[in-house]
């Protein structure tokens, strides 16, 4: 069983027991995070998409905070004595996926055609 989730503007394919690095979340170490933005779940019964995932979520435990590699940003214009050197170091949160929950699908509302038939029968 695996799921595709979206967090921090990126999508991740996760299974139970996986450890992933996501963009920094404001959660304490050891807490459980519930990610409700689930795009797809694949299990033994098949692939679940769209309305089937309204109640689906993925639970993950926060293992710690980490910093990524430093990226050097260097701007330069030839013959103008213009040089700017800056850097960036992205902060990440390490998550361990503990549970993938499909949730129960809610019953869909009747189609518009079905409602008109019941109204005609009532009159």
C-alpha atoms as a PDB file:
ATOM      1  CA  UNK A   1       0.000   0.000   0.000  1.00  0.00           C
ATOM      2  CA  UNK A   2       1.280   3.446  -0.858  1.00  0.00           C
ATOM      3  CA  UNK A   3      -0.041   6.987  -1.083  1.00  0.00           C
ATOM      4  CA  UNK A   4       0.867  10.151  -2.922  1.00  0.00           C
ATOM      5  CA  UNK A   5       0.664  13.188  -0.659  1.00  0.00           C
ATOM      6  CA  UNK A   6       1.255  16.875  -1.210  1.00  0.00           C
ATOM      7  CA  UNK A   7       2.968  19.105   1.337  1.00  0.00           C
ATOM      8  CA  UNK A   8       5.136  22.175   0.977  1.00  0.00           C
ATOM      9  CA  UNK A   9       4.229  22.485  -2.708  1.00  0.00           C
ATOM     10  CA  UNK A  10       5.771  19.107  -3.541  1.00  0.00           C
ATOM     11  CA  UNK A  11       4.387  15.618  -3.992  1.00  0.00           C
ATOM     12  CA  UNK A  12       5.779  12.519  -2.258  1.00  0.00           C
ATOM     13  CA  UNK A  13       5.146   8.795  -2.755  1.00  0.00           C
ATOM     14  CA  UNK A  14       5.053   7.246   0.725  1.00  0.00           C
ATOM     15  CA  UNK A  15       4.443   3.861   2.332  1.00  0.00           C
ATOM     16  CA  UNK A  16       4.146   2.951   5.987  1.00  0.00           C
ATOM     17  CA  UNK A  17       7.559   3.008   7.652  1.00  0.00           C
ATOM     18  CA  UNK A  18       9.144   5.425   5.118  1.00  0.00           C
ATOM     19  CA  UNK A  19      11.187   8.413   6.241  1.00  0.00           C
ATOM     20  CA  UNK A  20      10.967  11.539   4.113  1.00  0.00           C
ATOM     21  CA  UNK A  21      12.305  15.094   4.201  1.00  0.00           C
ATOM     22  CA  UNK A  22       9.672  17.784   3.658  1.00  0.00           C
ATOM     23  CA  UNK A  23       9.867  21.544   3.857  1.00  0.00           C
ATOM     24  CA  UNK A  24       9.914  22.807   7.444  1.00  0.00           C
ATOM     25  CA  UNK A  25       6.739  22.257   9.454  1.00  0.00           C
ATOM     26  CA  UNK A  26       6.071  24.153  12.678  1.00  0.00           C
ATOM     27  CA  UNK A  27       5.716  21.035  14.832  1.00  0.00           C
ATOM     28  CA  UNK A  28       7.679  19.768  17.827  1.00  0.00           C
ATOM     29  CA  UNK A  29       9.877  16.681  17.669  1.00  0.00           C
ATOM     30  CA  UNK A  30       7.957  13.537  18.604  1.00  0.00           C
ATOM     31  CA  UNK A  31       4.530  14.920  17.693  1.00  0.00           C
ATOM     32  CA  UNK A  32       2.194  13.248  15.226  1.00  0.00           C
ATOM     33  CA  UNK A  33       1.273  15.167  12.076  1.00  0.00           C
ATOM     34  CA  UNK A  34      -1.878  14.460  10.074  1.00  0.00           C
ATOM     35  CA  UNK A  35      -1.465  15.174   6.347  1.00  0.00           C
ATOM     36  CA  UNK A  36      -4.912  15.427   4.766  1.00  0.00           C
ATOM     37  CA  UNK A  37      -3.843  16.468   1.260  1.00  0.00           C
ATOM     38  CA  UNK A  38      -3.821  12.933  -0.206  1.00  0.00           C
ATOM     39  CA  UNK A  39      -3.869  12.717  -4.003  1.00  0.00           C
ATOM     40  CA  UNK A  40      -3.877   8.937  -4.545  1.00  0.00           C
ATOM     41  CA  UNK A  41      -3.908   5.706  -2.555  1.00  0.00           C
ATOM     42  CA  UNK A  42      -3.000   2.319  -4.030  1.00  0.00           C
ATOM     43  CA  UNK A  43      -3.894  -0.769  -2.006  1.00  0.00           C
ATOM     44  CA  UNK A  44      -4.906  -4.393  -2.587  1.00  0.00           C
ATOM     45  CA  UNK A  45      -8.381  -3.413  -3.782  1.00  0.00           C
ATOM     46  CA  UNK A  46      -7.044  -0.997  -6.422  1.00  0.00           C
ATOM     47  CA  UNK A  47      -6.325   2.674  -6.979  1.00  0.00           C
ATOM     48  CA  UNK A  48      -8.391   5.316  -5.174  1.00  0.00           C
ATOM     49  CA  UNK A  49      -8.672   8.868  -6.562  1.00  0.00           C
ATOM     50  CA  UNK A  50     -10.806  11.985  -6.282  1.00  0.00           C
ATOM     51  CA  UNK A  51     -13.985  11.802  -4.185  1.00  0.00           C
ATOM     52  CA  UNK A  52     -12.930   8.492  -2.630  1.00  0.00           C
ATOM     53  CA  UNK A  53     -10.181  10.364  -0.746  1.00  0.00           C
ATOM     54  CA  UNK A  54     -12.292  13.011   1.019  1.00  0.00           C
ATOM     55  CA  UNK A  55     -11.701  11.410   4.435  1.00  0.00           C
ATOM     56  CA  UNK A  56      -8.266   9.960   3.678  1.00  0.00           C
ATOM     57  CA  UNK A  57      -5.164  11.075   5.548  1.00  0.00           C
ATOM     58  CA  UNK A  58      -1.591  10.066   6.308  1.00  0.00           C
ATOM     59  CA  UNK A  59      -0.195  10.127   9.832  1.00  0.00           C
ATOM     60  CA  UNK A  60       3.500  10.825  10.342  1.00  0.00           C
ATOM     61  CA  UNK A  61       5.759  11.286  13.350  1.00  0.00           C
ATOM     62  CA  UNK A  62       8.197  14.213  13.432  1.00  0.00           C
ATOM     63  CA  UNK A  63      11.701  12.802  13.900  1.00  0.00           C
ATOM     64  CA  UNK A  64      13.653  16.044  13.739  1.00  0.00           C
ATOM     65  CA  UNK A  65      14.660  19.199  11.925  1.00  0.00           C
ATOM     66  CA  UNK A  66      17.513  19.288   9.414  1.00  0.00           C
ATOM     67  CA  UNK A  67      19.232  21.752   7.136  1.00  0.00           C
ATOM     68  CA  UNK A  68      19.891  21.101   3.485  1.00  0.00           C
ATOM     69  CA  UNK A  69      23.018  21.808   1.489  1.00  0.00           C
ATOM     70  CA  UNK A  70      24.115  25.408   1.154  1.00  0.00           C
ATOM     71  CA  UNK A  71      23.396  26.908  -2.230  1.00  0.00           C
ATOM     72  CA  UNK A  72      25.584  29.770  -3.456  1.00  0.00           C
ATOM     73  CA  UNK A  73      23.861  32.524  -5.431  1.00  0.00           C
ATOM     74  CA  UNK A  74      26.364  34.673  -7.357  1.00  0.00           C
ATOM     75  CA  UNK A  75      25.261  37.605  -9.505  1.00  0.00           C
ATOM     76  CA  UNK A  76      27.803  39.155 -11.859  1.00  0.00           C
ATOM     77  CA  UNK A  77      27.772  41.735 -14.628  1.00  0.00           C
ATOM     78  CA  UNK A  78      30.871  41.909 -16.781  1.00  0.00           C
ATOM     79  CA  UNK A  79      32.819  45.199 -16.960  1.00  0.00           C
ATOM     80  CA  UNK A  80      30.510  46.941 -14.463  1.00  0.00           C
ATOM     81  CA  UNK A  81      32.201  46.008 -11.146  1.00  0.00           C
ATOM     82  CA  UNK A  82      28.932  44.397 -10.040  1.00  0.00           C
ATOM     83  CA  UNK A  83      29.227  41.274  -7.904  1.00  0.00           C
ATOM     84  CA  UNK A  84      26.809  39.926  -5.304  1.00  0.00           C
ATOM     85  CA  UNK A  85      27.364  36.689  -3.433  1.00  0.00           C
ATOM     86  CA  UNK A  86      24.643  35.316  -1.189  1.00  0.00           C
ATOM     87  CA  UNK A  87      23.663  31.862  -0.023  1.00  0.00           C
ATOM     88  CA  UNK A  88      20.636  29.867   1.023  1.00  0.00           C
ATOM     89  CA  UNK A  89      20.208  26.817   3.224  1.00  0.00           C
ATOM     90  CA  UNK A  90      16.761  25.219   3.179  1.00  0.00           C
ATOM     91  CA  UNK A  91      15.315  23.882   6.421  1.00  0.00           C
ATOM     92  CA  UNK A  92      13.599  20.492   6.371  1.00  0.00           C
ATOM     93  CA  UNK A  93      11.524  18.339   8.702  1.00  0.00           C
ATOM     94  CA  UNK A  94      12.163  14.588   8.771  1.00  0.00           C
ATOM     95  CA  UNK A  95       8.931  12.580   8.973  1.00  0.00           C
ATOM     96  CA  UNK A  96       8.335   8.878   9.557  1.00  0.00           C
ATOM     97  CA  UNK A  97       5.097   7.644   7.998  1.00  0.00           C
ATOM     98  CA  UNK A  98       3.173   5.646  10.600  1.00  0.00           C
ATOM     99  CA  UNK A  99      -0.268   5.120   9.079  1.00  0.00           C
ATOM    100  CA  UNK A 100      -2.149   5.523   5.782  1.00  0.00           C
ATOM    101  CA  UNK A 101      -5.919   5.752   6.278  1.00  0.00           C
ATOM    102  CA  UNK A 102      -8.310   5.589   3.330  1.00  0.00           C
ATOM    103  CA  UNK A 103     -11.353   6.579   5.367  1.00  0.00           C
ATOM    104  CA  UNK A 104     -14.896   5.646   4.487  1.00  0.00           C
ATOM    105  CA  UNK A 105     -16.348   7.090   1.319  1.00  0.00           C
ATOM    106  CA  UNK A 106     -19.425   9.208   1.812  1.00  0.00           C
ATOM    107  CA  UNK A 107     -22.529   8.447  -0.199  1.00  0.00           C
ATOM    108  CA  UNK A 108     -22.877  10.645  -3.238  1.00  0.00           C
ATOM    109  CA  UNK A 109     -25.940  12.845  -3.620  1.00  0.00           C
ATOM    110  CA  UNK A 110     -28.511  11.661  -6.107  1.00  0.00           C
ATOM    111  CA  UNK A 111     -28.278  12.956  -9.651  1.00  0.00           C
ATOM    112  CA  UNK A 112     -30.541  15.809 -10.718  1.00  0.00           C
ATOM    113  CA  UNK A 113     -32.596  13.404 -12.883  1.00  0.00           C
ATOM    114  CA  UNK A 114     -33.335  11.188  -9.892  1.00  0.00           C
ATOM    115  CA  UNK A 115     -34.685  14.130  -7.881  1.00  0.00           C
ATOM    116  CA  UNK A 116     -37.145  15.143 -10.627  1.00  0.00           C
ATOM    117  CA  UNK A 117     -38.566  11.620 -10.745  1.00  0.00           C
ATOM    118  CA  UNK A 118     -39.262  11.588  -7.007  1.00  0.00           C
ATOM    119  CA  UNK A 119     -40.913  15.024  -7.220  1.00  0.00           C
ATOM    120  CA  UNK A 120     -43.217  13.828 -10.061  1.00  0.00           C
ATOM    121  CA  UNK A 121     -44.202  10.734  -8.072  1.00  0.00           C
ATOM    122  CA  UNK A 122     -45.000  12.847  -5.000  1.00  0.00           C
ATOM    123  CA  UNK A 123     -47.485  15.106  -6.875  1.00  0.00           C
END
